[in-house]
Amino acid sequence: MENGGADIAQRDGRGHRNVEFLLSLVLALNAEPGVHALAGDTDGVDGGEEIAGAVVTSDTLARAWALGIRPADSHARKDAHAFFEALGDSVVIGPMLTNVNDFRAVYLG
């Protein structure tokens, strides 16, 4: 495989709109205290994964760094599912057999 192909494969992570939104939020908030967020798909799966979404707390960034995870790298690889799985912050509820909408909430404490 050419080098360009390898680069594309490295950017091909696991994630979908809810967890990608949350990972972007983590980066934008830059550990802003008192902010918590939840995003998930009401059908119980975010994209093709059994993960409905994830939660973000004001210490998400610090916990990622403590585990040696670089959130900006996860974001660049579109690998938000792996990011939140490593932190234990994925929301897994199983298929709900509905498809109402996405749910997102941000709490500013």
PDB file of N, CA and C in Angstrom:
ATOM      1  N   MET A   1       0.845  -1.180   0.000  1.00  0.00           N
ATOM      2  CA  MET A   1       0.000   0.000   0.000  1.00  0.00           C
ATOM      3  C   MET A   1       0.883   1.234   0.000  1.00  0.00           C
ATOM      4  N   GLU A   2       0.492   2.206  -0.775  1.00  0.00           N
ATOM      5  CA  GLU A   2       1.246   3.454  -0.805  1.00  0.00           C
ATOM      6  C   GLU A   2       1.122   4.179   0.523  1.00  0.00           C
ATOM      7  N   ASN A   3       2.055   5.061   0.774  1.00  0.00           N
ATOM      8  CA  ASN A   3       2.032   5.833   1.998  1.00  0.00           C
ATOM      9  C   ASN A   3       0.729   6.606   2.141  1.00  0.00           C
ATOM     10  N   GLY A   4       0.211   7.180   1.055  1.00  0.00           N
ATOM     11  CA  GLY A   4      -1.048   7.919   1.117  1.00  0.00           C
ATOM     12  C   GLY A   4      -2.185   7.044   1.592  1.00  0.00           C
ATOM     13  N   GLY A   5      -2.208   5.796   1.147  1.00  0.00           N
ATOM     14  CA  GLY A   5      -3.240   4.865   1.597  1.00  0.00           C
ATOM     15  C   GLY A   5      -3.120   4.556   3.079  1.00  0.00           C
ATOM     16  N   ALA A   6      -1.893   4.429   3.551  1.00  0.00           N
ATOM     17  CA  ALA A   6      -1.686   4.165   4.977  1.00  0.00           C
ATOM     18  C   ALA A   6      -2.158   5.346   5.805  1.00  0.00           C
ATOM     19  N   ASP A   7      -1.908   6.562   5.320  1.00  0.00           N
ATOM     20  CA  ASP A   7      -2.358   7.748   6.044  1.00  0.00           C
ATOM     21  C   ASP A   7      -3.878   7.774   6.142  1.00  0.00           C
ATOM     22  N   ILE A   8      -4.555   7.411   5.067  1.00  0.00           N
ATOM     23  CA  ILE A   8      -6.014   7.391   5.084  1.00  0.00           C
ATOM     24  C   ILE A   8      -6.503   6.355   6.079  1.00  0.00           C
ATOM     25  N   ALA A   9      -5.893   5.191   6.106  1.00  0.00           N
ATOM     26  CA  ALA A   9      -6.303   4.142   7.042  1.00  0.00           C
ATOM     27  C   ALA A   9      -6.132   4.605   8.480  1.00  0.00           C
ATOM     28  N   GLN A  10      -5.085   5.355   8.761  1.00  0.00           N
ATOM     29  CA  GLN A  10      -4.858   5.838  10.119  1.00  0.00           C
ATOM     30  C   GLN A  10      -5.931   6.832  10.554  1.00  0.00           C
ATOM     31  N   ARG A  11      -6.561   7.528   9.612  1.00  0.00           N
ATOM     32  CA  ARG A  11      -7.602   8.492   9.953  1.00  0.00           C
ATOM     33  C   ARG A  11      -8.974   7.835  10.034  1.00  0.00           C
ATOM     34  N   ASP A  12      -9.067   6.580   9.681  1.00  0.00           N
ATOM     35  CA  ASP A  12     -10.341   5.884   9.604  1.00  0.00           C
ATOM     36  C   ASP A  12     -10.657   5.226  10.939  1.00  0.00           C
ATOM     37  N   GLY A  13     -11.141   6.020  11.882  1.00  0.00           N
ATOM     38  CA  GLY A  13     -11.455   5.503  13.203  1.00  0.00           C
ATOM     39  C   GLY A  13     -12.920   5.118  13.320  1.00  0.00           C
ATOM     40  N   ARG A  14     -13.336   4.932  14.569  1.00  0.00           N
ATOM     41  CA  ARG A  14     -14.717   4.569  14.853  1.00  0.00           C
ATOM     42  C   ARG A  14     -15.387   5.741  15.545  1.00  0.00           C
ATOM     43  N   GLY A  15     -16.467   6.183  14.988  1.00  0.00           N
ATOM     44  CA  GLY A  15     -17.204   7.273  15.590  1.00  0.00           C
ATOM     45  C   GLY A  15     -18.367   7.667  14.710  1.00  0.00           C
ATOM     46  N   HIS A  16     -19.310   8.333  15.303  1.00  0.00           N
ATOM     47  CA  HIS A  16     -20.453   8.819  14.557  1.00  0.00           C
ATOM     48  C   HIS A  16     -20.856  10.155  15.149  1.00  0.00           C
ATOM     49  N   ARG A  17     -21.952  10.719  14.683  1.00  0.00           N
ATOM     50  CA  ARG A  17     -22.223  12.128  14.964  1.00  0.00           C
ATOM     51  C   ARG A  17     -22.314  12.495  16.438  1.00  0.00           C
ATOM     52  N   ASN A  18     -22.854  11.640  17.294  1.00  0.00           N
ATOM     53  CA  ASN A  18     -22.984  12.020  18.700  1.00  0.00           C
ATOM     54  C   ASN A  18     -21.649  12.036  19.435  1.00  0.00           C
ATOM     55  N   VAL A  19     -20.859  10.982  19.267  1.00  0.00           N
ATOM     56  CA  VAL A  19     -19.560  10.966  19.944  1.00  0.00           C
ATOM     57  C   VAL A  19     -18.574  11.937  19.298  1.00  0.00           C
ATOM     58  N   GLU A  20     -18.701  12.148  18.001  1.00  0.00           N
ATOM     59  CA  GLU A  20     -17.849  13.146  17.337  1.00  0.00           C
ATOM     60  C   GLU A  20     -18.176  14.546  17.861  1.00  0.00           C
ATOM     61  N   PHE A  21     -19.471  14.823  18.063  1.00  0.00           N
ATOM     62  CA  PHE A  21     -19.883  16.094  18.661  1.00  0.00           C
ATOM     63  C   PHE A  21     -19.253  16.263  20.034  1.00  0.00           C
ATOM     64  N   LEU A  22     -19.335  15.210  20.861  1.00  0.00           N
ATOM     65  CA  LEU A  22     -18.792  15.305  22.212  1.00  0.00           C
ATOM     66  C   LEU A  22     -17.286  15.462  22.235  1.00  0.00           C
ATOM     67  N   LEU A  23     -16.581  14.763  21.368  1.00  0.00           N
ATOM     68  CA  LEU A  23     -15.126  14.910  21.329  1.00  0.00           C
ATOM     69  C   LEU A  23     -14.745  16.320  20.876  1.00  0.00           C
ATOM     70  N   SER A  24     -15.483  16.858  19.938  1.00  0.00           N
ATOM     71  CA  SER A  24     -15.255  18.253  19.532  1.00  0.00           C
ATOM     72  C   SER A  24     -15.524  19.203  20.692  1.00  0.00           C
ATOM     73  N   LEU A  25     -16.567  18.911  21.461  1.00  0.00           N
ATOM     74  CA  LEU A  25     -16.899  19.727  22.629  1.00  0.00           C
ATOM     75  C   LEU A  25     -15.787  19.675  23.669  1.00  0.00           C
ATOM     76  N   VAL A  26     -15.244  18.488  23.918  1.00  0.00           N
ATOM     77  CA  VAL A  26     -14.129  18.333  24.862  1.00  0.00           C
ATOM     78  C   VAL A  26     -12.974  19.245  24.468  1.00  0.00           C
ATOM     79  N   LEU A  27     -12.633  19.236  23.193  1.00  0.00           N
ATOM     80  CA  LEU A  27     -11.519  20.063  22.719  1.00  0.00           C
ATOM     81  C   LEU A  27     -11.843  21.541  22.823  1.00  0.00           C
ATOM     82  N   ALA A  28     -13.069  21.919  22.473  1.00  0.00           N
ATOM     83  CA  ALA A  28     -13.453  23.337  22.520  1.00  0.00           C
ATOM     84  C   ALA A  28     -13.534  23.861  23.949  1.00  0.00           C
ATOM     85  N   LEU A  29     -14.008  23.041  24.875  1.00  0.00           N
ATOM     86  CA  LEU A  29     -14.147  23.475  26.270  1.00  0.00           C
ATOM     87  C   LEU A  29     -12.805  23.601  26.975  1.00  0.00           C
ATOM     88  N   ASN A  30     -11.826  22.787  26.548  1.00  0.00           N
ATOM     89  CA  ASN A  30     -10.488  22.847  27.133  1.00  0.00           C
ATOM     90  C   ASN A  30     -10.530  22.800  28.667  1.00  0.00           C
ATOM     91  N   ALA A  31     -11.263  21.800  29.200  1.00  0.00           N
ATOM     92  CA  ALA A  31     -11.363  21.542  30.645  1.00  0.00           C
ATOM     93  C   ALA A  31     -12.071  22.650  31.412  1.00  0.00           C
ATOM     94  N   GLU A  32     -12.999  23.322  30.788  1.00  0.00           N
ATOM     95  CA  GLU A  32     -13.813  24.343  31.463  1.00  0.00           C
ATOM     96  C   GLU A  32     -14.503  23.695  32.671  1.00  0.00           C
ATOM     97  N   PRO A  33     -14.321  24.259  33.854  1.00  0.00           N
ATOM     98  CA  PRO A  33     -14.920  23.627  35.044  1.00  0.00           C
ATOM     99  C   PRO A  33     -16.451  23.728  35.036  1.00  0.00           C
ATOM    100  N   GLY A  34     -17.071  22.696  35.598  1.00  0.00           N
ATOM    101  CA  GLY A  34     -18.513  22.714  35.802  1.00  0.00           C
ATOM    102  C   GLY A  34     -19.363  22.370  34.595  1.00  0.00           C
ATOM    103  N   VAL A  35     -18.742  21.979  33.489  1.00  0.00           N
ATOM    104  CA  VAL A  35     -19.505  21.652  32.291  1.00  0.00           C
ATOM    105  C   VAL A  35     -19.590  20.138  32.139  1.00  0.00           C
ATOM    106  N   HIS A  36     -20.807  19.652  31.935  1.00  0.00           N
ATOM    107  CA  HIS A  36     -21.059  18.234  31.702  1.00  0.00           C
ATOM    108  C   HIS A  36     -21.952  18.122  30.476  1.00  0.00           C
ATOM    109  N   ALA A  37     -21.818  17.044  29.742  1.00  0.00           N
ATOM    110  CA  ALA A  37     -22.637  16.869  28.537  1.00  0.00           C
ATOM    111  C   ALA A  37     -22.938  15.396  28.317  1.00  0.00           C
ATOM    112  N   LEU A  38     -24.029  15.172  27.631  1.00  0.00           N
ATOM    113  CA  LEU A  38     -24.466  13.833  27.249  1.00  0.00           C
ATOM    114  C   LEU A  38     -25.006  13.932  25.835  1.00  0.00           C
ATOM    115  N   ALA A  39     -24.637  12.992  25.000  1.00  0.00           N
ATOM    116  CA  ALA A  39     -25.191  12.925  23.648  1.00  0.00           C
ATOM    117  C   ALA A  39     -25.371  11.462  23.297  1.00  0.00           C
ATOM    118  N   GLY A  40     -26.484  11.162  22.653  1.00  0.00           N
ATOM    119  CA  GLY A  40     -26.740   9.788  22.265  1.00  0.00           C
ATOM    120  C   GLY A  40     -27.826   9.695  21.221  1.00  0.00           C
ATOM    121  N   ASP A  41     -27.874   8.553  20.604  1.00  0.00           N
ATOM    122  CA  ASP A  41     -28.882   8.281  19.592  1.00  0.00           C
ATOM    123  C   ASP A  41     -30.022   7.518  20.253  1.00  0.00           C
ATOM    124  N   THR A  42     -31.247   7.973  20.053  1.00  0.00           N
ATOM    125  CA  THR A  42     -32.385   7.371  20.746  1.00  0.00           C
ATOM    126  C   THR A  42     -32.698   5.961  20.279  1.00  0.00           C
ATOM    127  N   ASP A  43     -32.123   5.519  19.162  1.00  0.00           N
ATOM    128  CA  ASP A  43     -32.357   4.130  18.759  1.00  0.00           C
ATOM    129  C   ASP A  43     -31.374   3.176  19.440  1.00  0.00           C
ATOM    130  N   GLY A  44     -30.483   3.731  20.271  1.00  0.00           N
ATOM    131  CA  GLY A  44     -29.557   2.910  21.050  1.00  0.00           C
ATOM    132  C   GLY A  44     -28.220   2.641  20.394  1.00  0.00           C
ATOM    133  N   VAL A  45     -28.044   3.069  19.150  1.00  0.00           N
ATOM    134  CA  VAL A  45     -26.764   2.873  18.470  1.00  0.00           C
ATOM    135  C   VAL A  45     -26.372   4.149  17.744  1.00  0.00           C
ATOM    136  N   ASP A  46     -25.141   4.567  17.905  1.00  0.00           N
ATOM    137  CA  ASP A  46     -24.611   5.747  17.227  1.00  0.00           C
ATOM    138  C   ASP A  46     -23.851   5.261  16.008  1.00  0.00           C
ATOM    139  N   GLY A  47     -24.487   5.324  14.859  1.00  0.00           N
ATOM    140  CA  GLY A  47     -23.881   4.768  13.655  1.00  0.00           C
ATOM    141  C   GLY A  47     -24.031   3.264  13.668  1.00  0.00           C
ATOM    142  N   GLY A  48     -22.971   2.545  13.365  1.00  0.00           N
ATOM    143  CA  GLY A  48     -23.014   1.097  13.322  1.00  0.00           C
ATOM    144  C   GLY A  48     -22.532   0.432  14.594  1.00  0.00           C
ATOM    145  N   GLU A  49     -22.344   1.190  15.646  1.00  0.00           N
ATOM    146  CA  GLU A  49     -21.791   0.660  16.899  1.00  0.00           C
ATOM    147  C   GLU A  49     -22.892   0.364  17.903  1.00  0.00           C
ATOM    148  N   GLU A  50     -22.591  -0.479  18.875  1.00  0.00           N
ATOM    149  CA  GLU A  50     -23.529  -0.735  19.962  1.00  0.00           C
ATOM    150  C   GLU A  50     -23.467   0.353  21.023  1.00  0.00           C
ATOM    151  N   ILE A  51     -22.734   1.380  20.750  1.00  0.00           N
ATOM    152  CA  ILE A  51     -22.609   2.513  21.658  1.00  0.00           C
ATOM    153  C   ILE A  51     -23.637   3.554  21.239  1.00  0.00           C
ATOM    154  N   ALA A  52     -24.497   3.971  22.172  1.00  0.00           N
ATOM    155  CA  ALA A  52     -25.515   4.977  21.852  1.00  0.00           C
ATOM    156  C   ALA A  52     -24.915   6.381  21.843  1.00  0.00           C
ATOM    157  N   GLY A  53     -23.911   6.602  22.663  1.00  0.00           N
ATOM    158  CA  GLY A  53     -23.297   7.920  22.783  1.00  0.00           C
ATOM    159  C   GLY A  53     -22.269   7.910  23.893  1.00  0.00           C
ATOM    160  N   ALA A  54     -22.162   9.044  24.582  1.00  0.00           N
ATOM    161  CA  ALA A  54     -21.161   9.146  25.646  1.00  0.00           C
ATOM    162  C   ALA A  54     -21.496  10.316  26.561  1.00  0.00           C
ATOM    163  N   VAL A  55     -20.733  10.418  27.636  1.00  0.00           N
ATOM    164  CA  VAL A  55     -20.851  11.547  28.553  1.00  0.00           C
ATOM    165  C   VAL A  55     -19.506  12.271  28.628  1.00  0.00           C
ATOM    166  N   VAL A  56     -19.586  13.550  28.916  1.00  0.00           N
ATOM    167  CA  VAL A  56     -18.401  14.393  29.087  1.00  0.00           C
ATOM    168  C   VAL A  56     -18.524  15.081  30.434  1.00  0.00           C
ATOM    169  N   THR A  57     -17.421  15.118  31.172  1.00  0.00           N
ATOM    170  CA  THR A  57     -17.369  15.847  32.432  1.00  0.00           C
ATOM    171  C   THR A  57     -16.229  16.851  32.354  1.00  0.00           C
ATOM    172  N   SER A  58     -16.157  17.703  33.339  1.00  0.00           N
ATOM    173  CA  SER A  58     -15.109  18.728  33.303  1.00  0.00           C
ATOM    174  C   SER A  58     -13.708  18.137  33.442  1.00  0.00           C
ATOM    175  N   ASP A  59     -13.608  16.862  33.845  1.00  0.00           N
ATOM    176  CA  ASP A  59     -12.286  16.242  33.953  1.00  0.00           C
ATOM    177  C   ASP A  59     -11.991  15.251  32.821  1.00  0.00           C
ATOM    178  N   THR A  60     -12.816  15.219  31.791  1.00  0.00           N
ATOM    179  CA  THR A  60     -12.604  14.297  30.672  1.00  0.00           C
ATOM    180  C   THR A  60     -11.221  14.487  30.055  1.00  0.00           C
ATOM    181  N   LEU A  61     -10.846  15.710  29.811  1.00  0.00           N
ATOM    182  CA  LEU A  61      -9.554  16.002  29.184  1.00  0.00           C
ATOM    183  C   LEU A  61      -8.402  15.528  30.064  1.00  0.00           C
ATOM    184  N   ALA A  62      -8.463  15.824  31.343  1.00  0.00           N
ATOM    185  CA  ALA A  62      -7.397  15.422  32.265  1.00  0.00           C
ATOM    186  C   ALA A  62      -7.288  13.902  32.366  1.00  0.00           C
ATOM    187  N   ARG A  63      -8.430  13.200  32.399  1.00  0.00           N
ATOM    188  CA  ARG A  63      -8.399  11.738  32.484  1.00  0.00           C
ATOM    189  C   ARG A  63      -7.823  11.136  31.212  1.00  0.00           C
ATOM    190  N   ALA A  64      -8.140  11.722  30.071  1.00  0.00           N
ATOM    191  CA  ALA A  64      -7.573  11.232  28.802  1.00  0.00           C
ATOM    192  C   ALA A  64      -6.056  11.397  28.810  1.00  0.00           C
ATOM    193  N   TRP A  65      -5.594  12.593  29.161  1.00  0.00           N
ATOM    194  CA  TRP A  65      -4.152  12.824  29.194  1.00  0.00           C
ATOM    195  C   TRP A  65      -3.462  11.875  30.169  1.00  0.00           C
ATOM    196  N   ALA A  66      -4.090  11.611  31.326  1.00  0.00           N
ATOM    197  CA  ALA A  66      -3.502  10.709  32.321  1.00  0.00           C
ATOM    198  C   ALA A  66      -3.350   9.287  31.772  1.00  0.00           C
ATOM    199  N   LEU A  67      -4.213   8.908  30.842  1.00  0.00           N
ATOM    200  CA  LEU A  67      -4.118   7.590  30.210  1.00  0.00           C
ATOM    201  C   LEU A  67      -3.217   7.594  28.981  1.00  0.00           C
ATOM    202  N   GLY A  68      -2.639   8.749  28.678  1.00  0.00           N
ATOM    203  CA  GLY A  68      -1.771   8.855  27.508  1.00  0.00           C
ATOM    204  C   GLY A  68      -2.531   9.020  26.207  1.00  0.00           C
ATOM    205  N   ILE A  69      -3.798   9.373  26.297  1.00  0.00           N
ATOM    206  CA  ILE A  69      -4.627   9.579  25.109  1.00  0.00           C
ATOM    207  C   ILE A  69      -4.572  11.049  24.724  1.00  0.00           C
ATOM    208  N   ARG A  70      -4.314  11.288  23.459  1.00  0.00           N
ATOM    209  CA  ARG A  70      -4.274  12.665  22.956  1.00  0.00           C
ATOM    210  C   ARG A  70      -5.591  12.932  22.226  1.00  0.00           C
ATOM    211  N   PRO A  71      -6.511  13.678  22.865  1.00  0.00           N
ATOM    212  CA  PRO A  71      -7.836  13.903  22.293  1.00  0.00           C
ATOM    213  C   PRO A  71      -7.808  14.493  20.878  1.00  0.00           C
ATOM    214  N   ALA A  72      -6.892  15.388  20.610  1.00  0.00           N
ATOM    215  CA  ALA A  72      -6.811  15.972  19.263  1.00  0.00           C
ATOM    216  C   ALA A  72      -6.459  14.914  18.225  1.00  0.00           C
ATOM    217  N   ASP A  73      -5.620  13.955  18.601  1.00  0.00           N
ATOM    218  CA  ASP A  73      -5.279  12.864  17.681  1.00  0.00           C
ATOM    219  C   ASP A  73      -6.491  11.961  17.445  1.00  0.00           C
ATOM    220  N   SER A  74      -7.228  11.656  18.512  1.00  0.00           N
ATOM    221  CA  SER A  74      -8.446  10.853  18.365  1.00  0.00           C
ATOM    222  C   SER A  74      -9.436  11.550  17.445  1.00  0.00           C
ATOM    223  N   HIS A  75      -9.549  12.852  17.609  1.00  0.00           N
ATOM    224  CA  HIS A  75     -10.464  13.648  16.770  1.00  0.00           C
ATOM    225  C   HIS A  75     -10.012  13.622  15.320  1.00  0.00           C
ATOM    226  N   ALA A  76      -8.743  13.779  15.078  1.00  0.00           N
ATOM    227  CA  ALA A  76      -8.214  13.788  13.703  1.00  0.00           C
ATOM    228  C   ALA A  76      -8.418  12.430  13.025  1.00  0.00           C
ATOM    229  N   ARG A  77      -8.362  11.349  13.799  1.00  0.00           N
ATOM    230  CA  ARG A  77      -8.571   9.999  13.253  1.00  0.00           C
ATOM    231  C   ARG A  77     -10.048   9.632  13.163  1.00  0.00           C
ATOM    232  N   LYS A  78     -10.931  10.527  13.627  1.00  0.00           N
ATOM    233  CA  LYS A  78     -12.377  10.232  13.683  1.00  0.00           C
ATOM    234  C   LYS A  78     -12.604   8.974  14.529  1.00  0.00           C
ATOM    235  N   ASP A  79     -11.947   8.933  15.691  1.00  0.00           N
ATOM    236  CA  ASP A  79     -11.961   7.742  16.542  1.00  0.00           C
ATOM    237  C   ASP A  79     -12.558   8.045  17.913  1.00  0.00           C
ATOM    238  N   ALA A  80     -13.707   8.704  17.911  1.00  0.00           N
ATOM    239  CA  ALA A  80     -14.329   9.111  19.168  1.00  0.00           C
ATOM    240  C   ALA A  80     -14.856   7.936  19.980  1.00  0.00           C
ATOM    241  N   HIS A  81     -15.322   6.869  19.315  1.00  0.00           N
ATOM    242  CA  HIS A  81     -15.810   5.716  20.082  1.00  0.00           C
ATOM    243  C   HIS A  81     -14.681   5.137  20.930  1.00  0.00           C
ATOM    244  N   ALA A  82     -13.508   4.949  20.361  1.00  0.00           N
ATOM    245  CA  ALA A  82     -12.379   4.409  21.121  1.00  0.00           C
ATOM    246  C   ALA A  82     -11.976   5.360  22.248  1.00  0.00           C
ATOM    247  N   PHE A  83     -12.032   6.661  21.994  1.00  0.00           N
ATOM    248  CA  PHE A  83     -11.692   7.664  23.005  1.00  0.00           C
ATOM    249  C   PHE A  83     -12.576   7.495  24.243  1.00  0.00           C
ATOM    250  N   PHE A  84     -13.896   7.479  24.037  1.00  0.00           N
ATOM    251  CA  PHE A  84     -14.809   7.390  25.174  1.00  0.00           C
ATOM    252  C   PHE A  84     -14.826   5.995  25.806  1.00  0.00           C
ATOM    253  N   GLU A  85     -14.603   4.962  25.013  1.00  0.00           N
ATOM    254  CA  GLU A  85     -14.491   3.611  25.576  1.00  0.00           C
ATOM    255  C   GLU A  85     -13.319   3.533  26.544  1.00  0.00           C
ATOM    256  N   ALA A  86     -12.176   4.090  26.158  1.00  0.00           N
ATOM    257  CA  ALA A  86     -10.982   4.037  27.003  1.00  0.00           C
ATOM    258  C   ALA A  86     -11.213   4.737  28.341  1.00  0.00           C
ATOM    259  N   LEU A  87     -12.046   5.767  28.343  1.00  0.00           N
ATOM    260  CA  LEU A  87     -12.334   6.508  29.570  1.00  0.00           C
ATOM    261  C   LEU A  87     -13.461   5.879  30.386  1.00  0.00           C
ATOM    262  N   GLY A  88     -14.161   4.917  29.806  1.00  0.00           N
ATOM    263  CA  GLY A  88     -15.313   4.331  30.481  1.00  0.00           C
ATOM    264  C   GLY A  88     -16.528   5.241  30.436  1.00  0.00           C
ATOM    265  N   ASP A  89     -16.567   6.140  29.477  1.00  0.00           N
ATOM    266  CA  ASP A  89     -17.634   7.131  29.388  1.00  0.00           C
ATOM    267  C   ASP A  89     -18.612   6.896  28.241  1.00  0.00           C
ATOM    268  N   SER A  90     -18.535   5.723  27.635  1.00  0.00           N
ATOM    269  CA  SER A  90     -19.503   5.384  26.593  1.00  0.00           C
ATOM    270  C   SER A  90     -20.852   5.082  27.230  1.00  0.00           C
ATOM    271  N   VAL A  91     -21.906   5.380  26.508  1.00  0.00           N
ATOM    272  CA  VAL A  91     -23.257   5.021  26.935  1.00  0.00           C
ATOM    273  C   VAL A  91     -23.710   3.868  26.053  1.00  0.00           C
ATOM    274  N   VAL A  92     -23.933   2.721  26.675  1.00  0.00           N
ATOM    275  CA  VAL A  92     -24.365   1.535  25.944  1.00  0.00           C
ATOM    276  C   VAL A  92     -25.711   1.102  26.520  1.00  0.00           C
ATOM    277  N   ILE A  93     -26.748   1.162  25.686  1.00  0.00           N
ATOM    278  CA  ILE A  93     -28.085   0.775  26.151  1.00  0.00           C
ATOM    279  C   ILE A  93     -28.689  -0.329  25.293  1.00  0.00           C
ATOM    280  N   GLY A  94     -28.064  -0.633  24.182  1.00  0.00           N
ATOM    281  CA  GLY A  94     -28.585  -1.651  23.282  1.00  0.00           C
ATOM    282  C   GLY A  94     -29.635  -1.078  22.350  1.00  0.00           C
ATOM    283  N   PRO A  95     -29.924  -1.809  21.294  1.00  0.00           N
ATOM    284  CA  PRO A  95     -30.899  -1.333  20.308  1.00  0.00           C
ATOM    285  C   PRO A  95     -32.273  -1.093  20.927  1.00  0.00           C
ATOM    286  N   MET A  96     -32.869   0.047  20.624  1.00  0.00           N
ATOM    287  CA  MET A  96     -34.190   0.404  21.139  1.00  0.00           C
ATOM    288  C   MET A  96     -35.284   0.171  20.094  1.00  0.00           C
ATOM    289  N   LEU A  97     -34.871  -0.152  18.865  1.00  0.00           N
ATOM    290  CA  LEU A  97     -35.798  -0.410  17.772  1.00  0.00           C
ATOM    291  C   LEU A  97     -36.707   0.778  17.471  1.00  0.00           C
ATOM    292  N   THR A  98     -36.219   1.955  17.754  1.00  0.00           N
ATOM    293  CA  THR A  98     -36.890   3.201  17.387  1.00  0.00           C
ATOM    294  C   THR A  98     -35.854   4.087  16.731  1.00  0.00           C
ATOM    295  N   ASN A  99     -36.265   5.103  16.085  1.00  0.00           N
ATOM    296  CA  ASN A  99     -35.314   6.055  15.520  1.00  0.00           C
ATOM    297  C   ASN A  99     -35.933   7.436  15.582  1.00  0.00           C
ATOM    298  N   VAL A 100     -36.120   7.916  16.799  1.00  0.00           N
ATOM    299  CA  VAL A 100     -36.772   9.197  17.000  1.00  0.00           C
ATOM    300  C   VAL A 100     -35.837  10.344  16.642  1.00  0.00           C
ATOM    301  N   ASN A 101     -34.676  10.392  17.259  1.00  0.00           N
ATOM    302  CA  ASN A 101     -33.773  11.505  17.036  1.00  0.00           C
ATOM    303  C   ASN A 101     -32.517  11.309  17.876  1.00  0.00           C
ATOM    304  N   ASP A 102     -31.603  12.230  17.740  1.00  0.00           N
ATOM    305  CA  ASP A 102     -30.453  12.285  18.630  1.00  0.00           C
ATOM    306  C   ASP A 102     -30.852  13.108  19.850  1.00  0.00           C
ATOM    307  N   PHE A 103     -30.187  12.842  20.963  1.00  0.00           N
ATOM    308  CA  PHE A 103     -30.423  13.607  22.184  1.00  0.00           C
ATOM    309  C   PHE A 103     -29.102  14.198  22.621  1.00  0.00           C
ATOM    310  N   ARG A 104     -29.105  15.482  22.895  1.00  0.00           N
ATOM    311  CA  ARG A 104     -27.900  16.154  23.401  1.00  0.00           C
ATOM    312  C   ARG A 104     -28.269  17.102  24.511  1.00  0.00           C
ATOM    313  N   ALA A 105     -27.512  17.059  25.589  1.00  0.00           N
ATOM    314  CA  ALA A 105     -27.738  17.964  26.716  1.00  0.00           C
ATOM    315  C   ALA A 105     -26.384  18.442  27.218  1.00  0.00           C
ATOM    316  N   VAL A 106     -26.313  19.721  27.520  1.00  0.00           N
ATOM    317  CA  VAL A 106     -25.099  20.302  28.091  1.00  0.00           C
ATOM    318  C   VAL A 106     -25.498  21.037  29.351  1.00  0.00           C
ATOM    319  N   TYR A 107     -24.861  20.692  30.460  1.00  0.00           N
ATOM    320  CA  TYR A 107     -25.129  21.322  31.751  1.00  0.00           C
ATOM    321  C   TYR A 107     -23.986  22.280  32.070  1.00  0.00           C
ATOM    322  N   LEU A 108     -24.311  23.514  32.328  1.00  0.00           N
ATOM    323  CA  LEU A 108     -23.320  24.522  32.693  1.00  0.00           C
ATOM    324  C   LEU A 108     -23.486  24.810  34.174  1.00  0.00           C
ATOM    325  N   GLY A 109     -22.635  24.182  35.003  1.00  0.00           N
ATOM    326  CA  GLY A 109     -22.769  24.305  36.448  1.00  0.00           C
ATOM    327  C   GLY A 109     -22.051  25.486  37.003  1.00  0.00           C
TER     328      GLY A 109
END
